[in-house]
Amino acid sequence: MAPNRTGSRERYRAQVREEIKEHAREQIATAGVSALSLNAIAKRVGMSGPALYWYFASRDDLITELIRDAYRSLADTLRAEFDSGADISAIAHATRAWALADPQRYFLIYGTPVPGYHAPDDTTAISSEIMAVLIEAFAAQPSDAAATPFDAHLANHREWAAGHEVPVATLHRAVSFWTRMHGVLSLELAGHFAGMGFDPALLFEDELNTLLAH
């Protein structure tokens, strides 16, 4: 039987793409996404700059792949936590551990937008899986908190939660959790707590407990 050369070429191409992405992640970890250089990556993998474009059509194409990978990694991490029976607290700590393990990966999806870059719609679809886990987790922990003006507003602006037939209060808690959790994480990872003399982990825990008390 003749060897499947097409399959071999595709496997090789996939391997090279992963190698390119690994070098890109290392470069971003060192200097940030704005410093991403395809020519520098090409040298690391032993090819010319033009040759690299056979694997990624542009710098934005490479950034998109890295963003997809980051969202997919976090979405899968949180889904696995929830499906294993984890509560909101455990999901929050899993998010923090994921962020601390690779701060630049975190900033790639929750940091300052890359100038001139516009992520395709499918990255939003992956990111919505993260919110879906939060909505499902809060739906499993009903609250009797009093309604607020934002609850009334959400009642008419809940398209982003399509497919989740849950009370508005559940959506409110999921959004509040998402914004406050990432607020603390973003400040911590950017070094804004440096020199203030307190433990960011305890602040994170305190914010979490405050959220869960309502």
C-alpha atoms as a PDB file:
ATOM      1  CA  MET A   1       0.000   0.000   0.000  1.00  0.00           C
ATOM      2  CA  ALA A   2       1.330   3.408  -1.015  1.00  0.00           C
ATOM      3  CA  PRO A   3       2.064   5.796   1.857  1.00  0.00           C
ATOM      4  CA  ASN A   4      -0.507   8.499   2.530  1.00  0.00           C
ATOM      5  CA  ARG A   5       1.658  11.474   1.624  1.00  0.00           C
ATOM      6  CA  THR A   6      -1.179  13.960   2.005  1.00  0.00           C
ATOM      7  CA  GLY A   7      -1.766  12.806   5.564  1.00  0.00           C
ATOM      8  CA  SER A   8       1.944  12.992   6.341  1.00  0.00           C
ATOM      9  CA  ARG A   9       2.176  16.516   4.983  1.00  0.00           C
ATOM     10  CA  GLU A  10      -0.815  17.612   7.049  1.00  0.00           C
ATOM     11  CA  ARG A  11       0.665  16.101  10.192  1.00  0.00           C
ATOM     12  CA  TYR A  12       3.974  17.841   9.524  1.00  0.00           C
ATOM     13  CA  ARG A  13       2.207  21.132   8.886  1.00  0.00           C
ATOM     14  CA  ALA A  14       0.253  20.773  12.136  1.00  0.00           C
ATOM     15  CA  GLN A  15       3.479  20.064  14.040  1.00  0.00           C
ATOM     16  CA  VAL A  16       5.186  23.130  12.576  1.00  0.00           C
ATOM     17  CA  ARG A  17       2.164  25.299  13.376  1.00  0.00           C
ATOM     18  CA  GLU A  18       2.310  24.158  16.999  1.00  0.00           C
ATOM     19  CA  GLU A  19       6.048  24.897  17.116  1.00  0.00           C
ATOM     20  CA  ILE A  20       5.428  28.380  15.729  1.00  0.00           C
ATOM     21  CA  LYS A  21       2.708  29.007  18.311  1.00  0.00           C
ATOM     22  CA  GLU A  22       4.977  27.819  21.105  1.00  0.00           C
ATOM     23  CA  HIS A  23       7.693  30.277  20.078  1.00  0.00           C
ATOM     24  CA  ALA A  24       5.060  33.010  19.767  1.00  0.00           C
ATOM     25  CA  ARG A  25       3.859  32.296  23.301  1.00  0.00           C
ATOM     26  CA  GLU A  26       7.441  32.483  24.580  1.00  0.00           C
ATOM     27  CA  GLN A  27       7.957  35.790  22.796  1.00  0.00           C
ATOM     28  CA  ILE A  28       4.727  37.212  24.206  1.00  0.00           C
ATOM     29  CA  ALA A  29       5.656  36.053  27.710  1.00  0.00           C
ATOM     30  CA  THR A  30       8.925  37.961  27.400  1.00  0.00           C
ATOM     31  CA  ALA A  31       7.866  41.179  25.691  1.00  0.00           C
ATOM     32  CA  GLY A  32       4.076  41.188  25.346  1.00  0.00           C
ATOM     33  CA  VAL A  33       1.850  40.648  22.324  1.00  0.00           C
ATOM     34  CA  SER A  34       2.607  44.045  20.796  1.00  0.00           C
ATOM     35  CA  ALA A  35       6.212  42.913  20.275  1.00  0.00           C
ATOM     36  CA  LEU A  36       5.263  39.732  18.419  1.00  0.00           C
ATOM     37  CA  SER A  37       7.574  39.357  15.413  1.00  0.00           C
ATOM     38  CA  LEU A  38       7.004  36.754  12.712  1.00  0.00           C
ATOM     39  CA  ASN A  39      10.539  37.204  11.400  1.00  0.00           C
ATOM     40  CA  ALA A  40      12.008  36.478  14.837  1.00  0.00           C
ATOM     41  CA  ILE A  41       9.834  33.389  15.148  1.00  0.00           C
ATOM     42  CA  ALA A  42      10.838  32.227  11.674  1.00  0.00           C
ATOM     43  CA  LYS A  43      14.501  32.344  12.687  1.00  0.00           C
ATOM     44  CA  ARG A  44      13.750  30.301  15.808  1.00  0.00           C
ATOM     45  CA  VAL A  45      12.138  27.530  13.764  1.00  0.00           C
ATOM     46  CA  GLY A  46      14.810  27.643  11.080  1.00  0.00           C
ATOM     47  CA  MET A  47      12.877  29.042   8.142  1.00  0.00           C
ATOM     48  CA  SER A  48      12.649  32.273   6.189  1.00  0.00           C
ATOM     49  CA  GLY A  49      10.070  34.895   6.989  1.00  0.00           C
ATOM     50  CA  PRO A  50       8.125  34.289   3.751  1.00  0.00           C
ATOM     51  CA  ALA A  51       8.095  30.526   4.415  1.00  0.00           C
ATOM     52  CA  LEU A  52       6.337  31.079   7.732  1.00  0.00           C
ATOM     53  CA  TYR A  53       3.394  32.655   5.920  1.00  0.00           C
ATOM     54  CA  TRP A  54       2.541  29.233   4.514  1.00  0.00           C
ATOM     55  CA  TYR A  55       1.605  28.256   8.071  1.00  0.00           C
ATOM     56  CA  PHE A  56       0.044  31.536   9.201  1.00  0.00           C
ATOM     57  CA  ALA A  57      -1.193  34.016   6.640  1.00  0.00           C
ATOM     58  CA  SER A  58      -0.406  37.037   8.812  1.00  0.00           C
ATOM     59  CA  ARG A  59       0.558  38.217  12.275  1.00  0.00           C
ATOM     60  CA  ASP A  60      -3.136  38.700  13.034  1.00  0.00           C
ATOM     61  CA  ASP A  61      -3.812  35.120  11.951  1.00  0.00           C
ATOM     62  CA  LEU A  62      -1.229  33.897  14.462  1.00  0.00           C
ATOM     63  CA  ILE A  63      -2.625  36.127  17.215  1.00  0.00           C
ATOM     64  CA  THR A  64      -6.103  34.773  16.486  1.00  0.00           C
ATOM     65  CA  GLU A  65      -4.890  31.208  16.920  1.00  0.00           C
ATOM     66  CA  LEU A  66      -3.263  32.101  20.226  1.00  0.00           C
ATOM     67  CA  ILE A  67      -6.448  33.802  21.413  1.00  0.00           C
ATOM     68  CA  ARG A  68      -8.539  30.798  20.400  1.00  0.00           C
ATOM     69  CA  ASP A  69      -6.160  28.503  22.267  1.00  0.00           C
ATOM     70  CA  ALA A  70      -6.287  30.689  25.390  1.00  0.00           C
ATOM     71  CA  TYR A  71     -10.086  30.901  25.449  1.00  0.00           C
ATOM     72  CA  ARG A  72     -10.359  27.175  24.749  1.00  0.00           C
ATOM     73  CA  SER A  73      -7.943  26.344  27.549  1.00  0.00           C
ATOM     74  CA  LEU A  74      -9.827  28.444  30.114  1.00  0.00           C
ATOM     75  CA  ALA A  75     -13.267  27.310  28.923  1.00  0.00           C
ATOM     76  CA  ASP A  76     -12.235  23.653  29.123  1.00  0.00           C
ATOM     77  CA  THR A  77     -10.648  24.176  32.552  1.00  0.00           C
ATOM     78  CA  LEU A  78     -13.792  25.724  34.020  1.00  0.00           C
ATOM     79  CA  ARG A  79     -16.126  23.247  32.335  1.00  0.00           C
ATOM     80  CA  ALA A  80     -14.131  20.348  33.748  1.00  0.00           C
ATOM     81  CA  GLU A  81     -14.295  21.936  37.214  1.00  0.00           C
ATOM     82  CA  PHE A  82     -18.051  22.439  37.056  1.00  0.00           C
ATOM     83  CA  ASP A  83     -18.784  19.012  35.578  1.00  0.00           C
ATOM     84  CA  SER A  84     -16.782  17.426  38.386  1.00  0.00           C
ATOM     85  CA  GLY A  85     -19.064  19.064  40.936  1.00  0.00           C
ATOM     86  CA  ALA A  86     -17.080  22.200  41.762  1.00  0.00           C
ATOM     87  CA  ASP A  87     -18.952  25.167  43.232  1.00  0.00           C
ATOM     88  CA  ILE A  88     -18.473  28.854  42.445  1.00  0.00           C
ATOM     89  CA  SER A  89     -15.627  29.200  44.921  1.00  0.00           C
ATOM     90  CA  ALA A  90     -13.677  26.340  43.350  1.00  0.00           C
ATOM     91  CA  ILE A  91     -14.320  27.741  39.863  1.00  0.00           C
ATOM     92  CA  ALA A  92     -12.987  31.125  40.979  1.00  0.00           C
ATOM     93  CA  HIS A  93      -9.817  29.592  42.368  1.00  0.00           C
ATOM     94  CA  ALA A  94      -9.376  27.505  39.217  1.00  0.00           C
ATOM     95  CA  THR A  95      -9.592  30.723  37.183  1.00  0.00           C
ATOM     96  CA  ARG A  96      -6.987  32.432  39.355  1.00  0.00           C
ATOM     97  CA  ALA A  97      -4.648  29.430  39.147  1.00  0.00           C
ATOM     98  CA  TRP A  98      -5.030  29.399  35.344  1.00  0.00           C
ATOM     99  CA  ALA A  99      -4.233  33.127  35.188  1.00  0.00           C
ATOM    100  CA  LEU A 100      -1.225  32.935  37.497  1.00  0.00           C
ATOM    101  CA  ALA A 101       0.206  29.991  35.572  1.00  0.00           C
ATOM    102  CA  ASP A 102       0.638  32.162  32.454  1.00  0.00           C
ATOM    103  CA  PRO A 103      -0.100  35.890  32.953  1.00  0.00           C
ATOM    104  CA  GLN A 104       0.603  36.830  29.329  1.00  0.00           C
ATOM    105  CA  ARG A 105      -1.887  34.214  28.130  1.00  0.00           C
ATOM    106  CA  TYR A 106      -4.403  35.809  30.484  1.00  0.00           C
ATOM    107  CA  PHE A 107      -3.655  39.315  29.168  1.00  0.00           C
ATOM    108  CA  LEU A 108      -3.988  38.043  25.615  1.00  0.00           C
ATOM    109  CA  ILE A 109      -7.732  37.662  26.201  1.00  0.00           C
ATOM    110  CA  TYR A 110      -8.438  39.992  29.136  1.00  0.00           C
ATOM    111  CA  GLY A 111      -5.790  42.662  28.734  1.00  0.00           C
ATOM    112  CA  THR A 112      -5.479  45.787  26.611  1.00  0.00           C
ATOM    113  CA  PRO A 113      -6.675  45.168  23.026  1.00  0.00           C
ATOM    114  CA  VAL A 114      -3.909  44.823  20.451  1.00  0.00           C
ATOM    115  CA  PRO A 115      -3.860  48.033  18.339  1.00  0.00           C
ATOM    116  CA  GLY A 116      -5.323  47.438  14.895  1.00  0.00           C
ATOM    117  CA  TYR A 117      -6.345  43.858  15.650  1.00  0.00           C
ATOM    118  CA  HIS A 118      -9.952  42.674  15.479  1.00  0.00           C
ATOM    119  CA  ALA A 119     -10.736  39.160  16.666  1.00  0.00           C
ATOM    120  CA  PRO A 120     -13.105  37.101  14.475  1.00  0.00           C
ATOM    121  CA  ASP A 121     -16.575  36.222  15.714  1.00  0.00           C
ATOM    122  CA  ASP A 122     -15.742  32.619  16.550  1.00  0.00           C
ATOM    123  CA  THR A 123     -13.484  33.743  19.410  1.00  0.00           C
ATOM    124  CA  THR A 124     -16.525  35.383  20.999  1.00  0.00           C
ATOM    125  CA  ALA A 125     -18.364  32.089  20.709  1.00  0.00           C
ATOM    126  CA  ILE A 126     -15.610  30.299  22.620  1.00  0.00           C
ATOM    127  CA  SER A 127     -15.480  33.017  25.275  1.00  0.00           C
ATOM    128  CA  SER A 128     -19.241  32.661  25.782  1.00  0.00           C
ATOM    129  CA  GLU A 129     -18.615  29.106  26.969  1.00  0.00           C
ATOM    130  CA  ILE A 130     -16.836  30.577  29.988  1.00  0.00           C
ATOM    131  CA  MET A 131     -19.846  32.705  30.875  1.00  0.00           C
ATOM    132  CA  ALA A 132     -22.093  29.688  30.332  1.00  0.00           C
ATOM    133  CA  VAL A 133     -20.255  27.822  33.091  1.00  0.00           C
ATOM    134  CA  LEU A 134     -20.704  30.776  35.455  1.00  0.00           C
ATOM    135  CA  ILE A 135     -24.417  31.033  34.686  1.00  0.00           C
ATOM    136  CA  GLU A 136     -24.921  27.308  35.263  1.00  0.00           C
ATOM    137  CA  ALA A 137     -22.926  27.428  38.493  1.00  0.00           C
ATOM    138  CA  PHE A 138     -24.948  30.339  39.893  1.00  0.00           C
ATOM    139  CA  ALA A 139     -28.203  28.747  38.750  1.00  0.00           C
ATOM    140  CA  ALA A 140     -27.317  25.846  41.039  1.00  0.00           C
ATOM    141  CA  GLN A 141     -26.995  28.281  43.959  1.00  0.00           C
ATOM    142  CA  PRO A 142     -30.163  30.424  44.014  1.00  0.00           C
ATOM    143  CA  SER A 143     -30.129  33.707  45.896  1.00  0.00           C
ATOM    144  CA  ASP A 144     -32.866  35.731  47.579  1.00  0.00           C
ATOM    145  CA  ALA A 145     -31.081  39.056  47.103  1.00  0.00           C
ATOM    146  CA  ALA A 146     -33.344  42.036  46.478  1.00  0.00           C
ATOM    147  CA  ALA A 147     -33.773  43.171  42.878  1.00  0.00           C
ATOM    148  CA  THR A 148     -31.771  46.178  41.704  1.00  0.00           C
ATOM    149  CA  PRO A 149     -32.120  48.645  38.807  1.00  0.00           C
ATOM    150  CA  PHE A 150     -29.528  46.582  36.945  1.00  0.00           C
ATOM    151  CA  ASP A 151     -31.766  43.506  37.256  1.00  0.00           C
ATOM    152  CA  ALA A 152     -34.564  45.446  35.549  1.00  0.00           C
ATOM    153  CA  HIS A 153     -32.130  46.535  32.850  1.00  0.00           C
ATOM    154  CA  LEU A 154     -30.881  42.981  32.303  1.00  0.00           C
ATOM    155  CA  ALA A 155     -34.433  41.736  31.809  1.00  0.00           C
ATOM    156  CA  ASN A 156     -34.423  43.581  28.474  1.00  0.00           C
ATOM    157  CA  HIS A 157     -30.747  43.032  27.656  1.00  0.00           C
ATOM    158  CA  ARG A 158     -30.125  39.329  28.078  1.00  0.00           C
ATOM    159  CA  GLU A 159     -29.471  38.318  24.468  1.00  0.00           C
ATOM    160  CA  TRP A 160     -25.861  37.522  25.407  1.00  0.00           C
ATOM    161  CA  ALA A 161     -27.227  34.724  27.631  1.00  0.00           C
ATOM    162  CA  ALA A 162     -29.289  33.101  24.884  1.00  0.00           C
ATOM    163  CA  GLY A 163     -30.142  29.516  25.686  1.00  0.00           C
ATOM    164  CA  HIS A 164     -30.032  30.053  29.448  1.00  0.00           C
ATOM    165  CA  GLU A 165     -33.569  30.291  30.771  1.00  0.00           C
ATOM    166  CA  VAL A 166     -32.594  31.399  34.247  1.00  0.00           C
ATOM    167  CA  PRO A 167     -33.832  34.246  36.475  1.00  0.00           C
ATOM    168  CA  VAL A 168     -32.387  37.678  35.808  1.00  0.00           C
ATOM    169  CA  ALA A 169     -30.861  37.609  39.292  1.00  0.00           C
ATOM    170  CA  THR A 170     -28.741  34.625  38.238  1.00  0.00           C
ATOM    171  CA  LEU A 171     -27.401  36.530  35.230  1.00  0.00           C
ATOM    172  CA  HIS A 172     -26.663  39.515  37.471  1.00  0.00           C
ATOM    173  CA  ARG A 173     -24.658  37.380  39.889  1.00  0.00           C
ATOM    174  CA  ALA A 174     -22.721  35.747  37.019  1.00  0.00           C
ATOM    175  CA  VAL A 175     -21.824  39.125  35.500  1.00  0.00           C
ATOM    176  CA  SER A 176     -20.858  40.598  38.878  1.00  0.00           C
ATOM    177  CA  PHE A 177     -18.680  37.591  39.600  1.00  0.00           C
ATOM    178  CA  TRP A 178     -17.015  37.849  36.184  1.00  0.00           C
ATOM    179  CA  THR A 179     -16.278  41.575  36.418  1.00  0.00           C
ATOM    180  CA  ARG A 180     -15.068  41.660  40.027  1.00  0.00           C
ATOM    181  CA  MET A 181     -13.006  38.491  39.732  1.00  0.00           C
ATOM    182  CA  HIS A 182     -11.222  39.767  36.638  1.00  0.00           C
ATOM    183  CA  GLY A 183     -10.846  43.215  38.159  1.00  0.00           C
ATOM    184  CA  VAL A 184      -8.771  41.814  41.012  1.00  0.00           C
ATOM    185  CA  LEU A 185      -6.878  39.404  38.759  1.00  0.00           C
ATOM    186  CA  SER A 186      -6.011  42.059  36.177  1.00  0.00           C
ATOM    187  CA  LEU A 187      -4.668  44.432  38.821  1.00  0.00           C
ATOM    188  CA  GLU A 188      -2.688  41.666  40.512  1.00  0.00           C
ATOM    189  CA  LEU A 189      -1.130  40.308  37.329  1.00  0.00           C
ATOM    190  CA  ALA A 190      -0.266  43.806  36.099  1.00  0.00           C
ATOM    191  CA  GLY A 191       1.653  44.406  39.333  1.00  0.00           C
ATOM    192  CA  HIS A 192      -0.568  47.183  40.685  1.00  0.00           C
ATOM    193  CA  PHE A 193      -0.562  45.658  44.173  1.00  0.00           C
ATOM    194  CA  ALA A 194       3.241  45.535  44.323  1.00  0.00           C
ATOM    195  CA  GLY A 195       4.571  47.489  47.277  1.00  0.00           C
ATOM    196  CA  MET A 196       1.183  47.820  48.973  1.00  0.00           C
ATOM    197  CA  GLY A 197       2.115  45.186  51.531  1.00  0.00           C
ATOM    198  CA  PHE A 198      -0.957  42.969  51.415  1.00  0.00           C
ATOM    199  CA  ASP A 199      -1.593  39.516  50.011  1.00  0.00           C
ATOM    200  CA  PRO A 200      -3.627  39.681  46.749  1.00  0.00           C
ATOM    201  CA  ALA A 201      -4.823  36.121  47.363  1.00  0.00           C
ATOM    202  CA  LEU A 202      -6.607  37.279  50.509  1.00  0.00           C
ATOM    203  CA  LEU A 203      -8.179  40.214  48.659  1.00  0.00           C
ATOM    204  CA  PHE A 204      -9.381  37.819  45.970  1.00  0.00           C
ATOM    205  CA  GLU A 205     -10.847  35.536  48.649  1.00  0.00           C
ATOM    206  CA  ASP A 206     -12.547  38.474  50.378  1.00  0.00           C
ATOM    207  CA  GLU A 207     -14.118  39.699  47.119  1.00  0.00           C
ATOM    208  CA  LEU A 208     -15.300  36.173  46.392  1.00  0.00           C
ATOM    209  CA  ASN A 209     -16.876  35.765  49.814  1.00  0.00           C
ATOM    210  CA  THR A 210     -18.624  39.125  49.485  1.00  0.00           C
ATOM    211  CA  LEU A 211     -20.097  38.105  46.155  1.00  0.00           C
ATOM    212  CA  LEU A 212     -21.269  34.744  47.437  1.00  0.00           C
ATOM    213  CA  ALA A 213     -22.935  36.325  50.463  1.00  0.00           C
ATOM    214  CA  HIS A 214     -25.615  37.875  48.250  1.00  0.00           C
END
